[in-house]
Amino acid sequence: MAGAYRALSFDGDGTLWDFETAMSLALEDAARLLRASGARRPDGPVTARWLREVRDSVARLDAYRADSTSRIRRSTTSCWSG
């Protein structure tokens, strides 16, 4: 997939992009790729809905409230096995 992206932009205040739609599409892609690689959640297949639930539950933890999204993202990857 090297070279597939031509630009990367950031929109911290949500004025340029529809973040919810972009995140939903990204979670669908991530779930599909994880399933294809053999990753499974403890009780079934990896789904976009489950990935969002994991993301949201980690973000609510006191230990991560003031943390960057990068640390939260890295923490969520420990929730599935592959």
N, C-alpha and C. Protein backbone atom coordinates (compact mmCIF):
# COMPACT_ATOMS: atom_id res chain seq x y z
N MET A 1 0.81 -1.18 0.00
CA MET A 1 0.00 0.00 0.00
C MET A 1 0.87 1.26 0.00
N ALA A 2 2.15 1.08 -0.07
CA ALA A 2 3.04 2.24 -0.11
C ALA A 2 2.71 3.11 -1.31
N GLY A 3 2.69 4.40 -1.07
CA GLY A 3 2.41 5.34 -2.14
C GLY A 3 0.94 5.53 -2.46
N ALA A 4 0.06 4.88 -1.71
CA ALA A 4 -1.37 4.98 -2.01
C ALA A 4 -1.95 6.34 -1.61
N TYR A 5 -1.33 7.00 -0.66
CA TYR A 5 -1.83 8.29 -0.20
C TYR A 5 -1.04 9.43 -0.81
N ARG A 6 -1.74 10.44 -1.27
CA ARG A 6 -1.08 11.59 -1.87
C ARG A 6 -1.08 12.80 -0.95
N ALA A 7 -1.98 12.79 0.03
CA ALA A 7 -2.06 13.94 0.95
C ALA A 7 -2.62 13.46 2.28
N LEU A 8 -2.24 14.16 3.31
CA LEU A 8 -2.75 13.90 4.64
C LEU A 8 -3.06 15.25 5.26
N SER A 9 -4.27 15.39 5.79
CA SER A 9 -4.63 16.67 6.41
C SER A 9 -5.19 16.43 7.79
N PHE A 10 -5.13 17.44 8.61
CA PHE A 10 -5.66 17.38 9.97
C PHE A 10 -6.69 18.49 10.14
N ASP A 11 -7.76 18.18 10.84
CA ASP A 11 -8.84 19.12 11.05
C ASP A 11 -9.26 19.05 12.51
N GLY A 12 -8.48 19.67 13.37
CA GLY A 12 -8.70 19.58 14.80
C GLY A 12 -10.02 20.13 15.29
N ASP A 13 -10.62 21.08 14.58
CA ASP A 13 -11.87 21.67 15.08
C ASP A 13 -13.10 21.24 14.29
N GLY A 14 -12.94 20.32 13.34
CA GLY A 14 -14.08 19.78 12.62
C GLY A 14 -14.73 20.70 11.61
N THR A 15 -14.00 21.69 11.13
CA THR A 15 -14.60 22.62 10.17
C THR A 15 -14.37 22.22 8.71
N LEU A 16 -13.40 21.36 8.46
CA LEU A 16 -13.08 21.01 7.07
C LEU A 16 -13.68 19.67 6.63
N TRP A 17 -13.77 18.73 7.52
CA TRP A 17 -14.18 17.38 7.17
C TRP A 17 -15.31 16.91 8.07
N ASP A 18 -16.13 16.02 7.56
CA ASP A 18 -17.17 15.35 8.34
C ASP A 18 -16.49 14.19 9.06
N PHE A 19 -16.03 14.44 10.29
CA PHE A 19 -15.23 13.47 11.02
C PHE A 19 -15.98 12.17 11.25
N GLU A 20 -17.24 12.22 11.63
CA GLU A 20 -18.00 11.00 11.93
C GLU A 20 -18.06 10.07 10.73
N THR A 21 -18.33 10.62 9.55
CA THR A 21 -18.37 9.80 8.35
C THR A 21 -17.00 9.23 8.03
N ALA A 22 -15.98 10.07 8.12
CA ALA A 22 -14.61 9.60 7.84
C ALA A 22 -14.20 8.51 8.82
N MET A 23 -14.52 8.70 10.11
CA MET A 23 -14.15 7.68 11.10
C MET A 23 -14.92 6.39 10.86
N SER A 24 -16.19 6.48 10.53
CA SER A 24 -16.98 5.28 10.26
C SER A 24 -16.40 4.49 9.09
N LEU A 25 -16.05 5.19 8.03
CA LEU A 25 -15.45 4.52 6.87
C LEU A 25 -14.09 3.91 7.23
N ALA A 26 -13.30 4.64 8.01
CA ALA A 26 -11.99 4.13 8.42
C ALA A 26 -12.13 2.91 9.32
N LEU A 27 -13.11 2.92 10.22
CA LEU A 27 -13.32 1.77 11.09
C LEU A 27 -13.81 0.56 10.30
N GLU A 28 -14.64 0.78 9.28
CA GLU A 28 -15.06 -0.33 8.40
C GLU A 28 -13.86 -0.93 7.69
N ASP A 29 -12.98 -0.08 7.15
CA ASP A 29 -11.77 -0.55 6.48
C ASP A 29 -10.86 -1.30 7.44
N ALA A 30 -10.68 -0.73 8.64
CA ALA A 30 -9.82 -1.36 9.64
C ALA A 30 -10.37 -2.72 10.05
N ALA A 31 -11.66 -2.80 10.27
CA ALA A 31 -12.28 -4.08 10.66
C ALA A 31 -12.10 -5.12 9.56
N ARG A 32 -12.30 -4.71 8.32
CA ARG A 32 -12.13 -5.63 7.19
C ARG A 32 -10.69 -6.13 7.12
N LEU A 33 -9.73 -5.23 7.25
CA LEU A 33 -8.31 -5.62 7.20
C LEU A 33 -7.93 -6.52 8.37
N LEU A 34 -8.45 -6.21 9.55
CA LEU A 34 -8.16 -7.05 10.71
C LEU A 34 -8.74 -8.45 10.55
N ARG A 35 -9.97 -8.54 10.06
CA ARG A 35 -10.57 -9.86 9.81
C ARG A 35 -9.76 -10.63 8.78
N ALA A 36 -9.34 -9.95 7.74
CA ALA A 36 -8.55 -10.60 6.68
C ALA A 36 -7.22 -11.11 7.20
N SER A 37 -6.68 -10.44 8.23
CA SER A 37 -5.40 -10.87 8.79
C SER A 37 -5.57 -11.97 9.84
N GLY A 38 -6.83 -12.32 10.13
CA GLY A 38 -7.10 -13.37 11.09
C GLY A 38 -7.37 -12.89 12.50
N ALA A 39 -7.36 -11.59 12.72
CA ALA A 39 -7.63 -11.06 14.06
C ALA A 39 -9.09 -11.30 14.42
N ARG A 40 -9.31 -11.65 15.68
CA ARG A 40 -10.67 -11.86 16.18
C ARG A 40 -10.78 -11.21 17.54
N ARG A 41 -11.98 -10.77 17.88
CA ARG A 41 -12.22 -10.30 19.24
C ARG A 41 -12.54 -11.53 20.09
N PRO A 42 -12.54 -11.41 21.40
CA PRO A 42 -12.75 -12.59 22.24
C PRO A 42 -14.04 -13.35 21.96
N ASP A 43 -15.10 -12.65 21.54
CA ASP A 43 -16.38 -13.33 21.36
C ASP A 43 -16.91 -13.28 19.93
N GLY A 44 -16.04 -13.06 18.95
CA GLY A 44 -16.52 -13.06 17.57
C GLY A 44 -15.64 -12.25 16.66
N PRO A 45 -16.14 -11.94 15.48
CA PRO A 45 -15.33 -11.21 14.50
C PRO A 45 -15.17 -9.74 14.86
N VAL A 46 -14.11 -9.16 14.38
CA VAL A 46 -13.88 -7.74 14.55
C VAL A 46 -14.84 -6.98 13.63
N THR A 47 -15.56 -6.03 14.20
CA THR A 47 -16.49 -5.21 13.43
C THR A 47 -16.19 -3.73 13.67
N ALA A 48 -16.66 -2.89 12.78
CA ALA A 48 -16.48 -1.45 12.96
C ALA A 48 -17.18 -0.98 14.23
N ARG A 49 -18.34 -1.50 14.49
CA ARG A 49 -19.08 -1.11 15.70
C ARG A 49 -18.28 -1.46 16.95
N TRP A 50 -17.70 -2.66 16.98
CA TRP A 50 -16.91 -3.08 18.13
C TRP A 50 -15.66 -2.21 18.28
N LEU A 51 -15.00 -1.89 17.17
CA LEU A 51 -13.82 -1.03 17.24
C LEU A 51 -14.18 0.34 17.83
N ARG A 52 -15.32 0.87 17.45
CA ARG A 52 -15.76 2.16 18.00
C ARG A 52 -16.04 2.03 19.50
N GLU A 53 -16.69 0.93 19.90
CA GLU A 53 -16.97 0.71 21.32
C GLU A 53 -15.67 0.64 22.14
N VAL A 54 -14.68 -0.07 21.61
CA VAL A 54 -13.39 -0.18 22.29
C VAL A 54 -12.74 1.19 22.39
N ARG A 55 -12.72 1.92 21.29
CA ARG A 55 -12.13 3.26 21.26
C ARG A 55 -12.79 4.16 22.30
N ASP A 56 -14.12 4.16 22.31
CA ASP A 56 -14.85 5.03 23.22
C ASP A 56 -14.65 4.62 24.68
N SER A 57 -14.62 3.32 24.96
CA SER A 57 -14.46 2.87 26.35
C SER A 57 -13.06 3.20 26.87
N VAL A 58 -12.05 3.07 26.03
CA VAL A 58 -10.69 3.43 26.46
C VAL A 58 -10.59 4.94 26.68
N ALA A 59 -11.18 5.72 25.81
CA ALA A 59 -11.12 7.18 25.94
C ALA A 59 -11.80 7.68 27.21
N ARG A 60 -12.78 6.93 27.72
CA ARG A 60 -13.48 7.34 28.95
C ARG A 60 -12.70 7.01 30.22
N LEU A 61 -11.71 6.15 30.15
CA LEU A 61 -10.95 5.78 31.35
C LEU A 61 -10.19 6.97 31.90
N ASP A 62 -10.22 7.11 33.21
CA ASP A 62 -9.51 8.23 33.86
C ASP A 62 -8.05 8.27 33.45
N ALA A 63 -7.44 7.11 33.30
CA ALA A 63 -6.01 7.05 32.96
C ALA A 63 -5.70 7.68 31.61
N TYR A 64 -6.70 7.81 30.73
CA TYR A 64 -6.47 8.32 29.38
C TYR A 64 -7.16 9.66 29.10
N ARG A 65 -7.91 10.18 30.03
CA ARG A 65 -8.69 11.40 29.77
C ARG A 65 -7.86 12.56 29.24
N ALA A 66 -6.68 12.75 29.77
CA ALA A 66 -5.85 13.89 29.35
C ALA A 66 -4.79 13.47 28.34
N ASP A 67 -4.86 12.24 27.84
CA ASP A 67 -3.84 11.74 26.93
C ASP A 67 -4.13 12.07 25.47
N SER A 68 -3.11 11.90 24.69
CA SER A 68 -3.26 12.12 23.25
C SER A 68 -4.03 10.96 22.64
N THR A 69 -4.60 11.20 21.49
CA THR A 69 -5.31 10.13 20.79
C THR A 69 -4.36 9.03 20.36
N SER A 70 -3.10 9.34 20.16
CA SER A 70 -2.12 8.31 19.78
C SER A 70 -1.98 7.26 20.89
N ARG A 71 -1.88 7.71 22.13
CA ARG A 71 -1.74 6.75 23.23
C ARG A 71 -3.03 5.94 23.39
N ILE A 72 -4.16 6.58 23.25
CA ILE A 72 -5.43 5.87 23.33
C ILE A 72 -5.51 4.82 22.22
N ARG A 73 -5.14 5.20 21.01
CA ARG A 73 -5.18 4.27 19.88
C ARG A 73 -4.28 3.07 20.13
N ARG A 74 -3.07 3.31 20.62
CA ARG A 74 -2.16 2.20 20.89
C ARG A 74 -2.72 1.28 21.98
N SER A 75 -3.41 1.83 22.94
CA SER A 75 -3.98 1.04 24.02
C SER A 75 -5.12 0.13 23.54
N THR A 76 -5.87 0.59 22.56
CA THR A 76 -7.00 -0.20 22.09
C THR A 76 -6.55 -1.44 21.33
N THR A 77 -5.34 -1.43 20.77
CA THR A 77 -4.90 -2.59 20.00
C THR A 77 -4.67 -3.81 20.85
N SER A 78 -4.60 -3.67 22.16
CA SER A 78 -4.41 -4.83 23.04
C SER A 78 -5.73 -5.56 23.29
N CYS A 79 -6.82 -5.08 22.74
CA CYS A 79 -8.15 -5.67 23.01
C CYS A 79 -8.52 -6.82 22.08
N TRP A 80 -7.70 -7.12 21.11
CA TRP A 80 -8.00 -8.26 20.25
C TRP A 80 -6.76 -9.11 20.09
N SER A 81 -6.97 -10.34 19.65
CA SER A 81 -5.84 -11.25 19.43
C SER A 81 -5.82 -11.63 17.96
N GLY A 82 -4.66 -11.96 17.50
CA GLY A 82 -4.55 -12.31 16.08
C GLY A 82 -3.46 -13.27 15.82
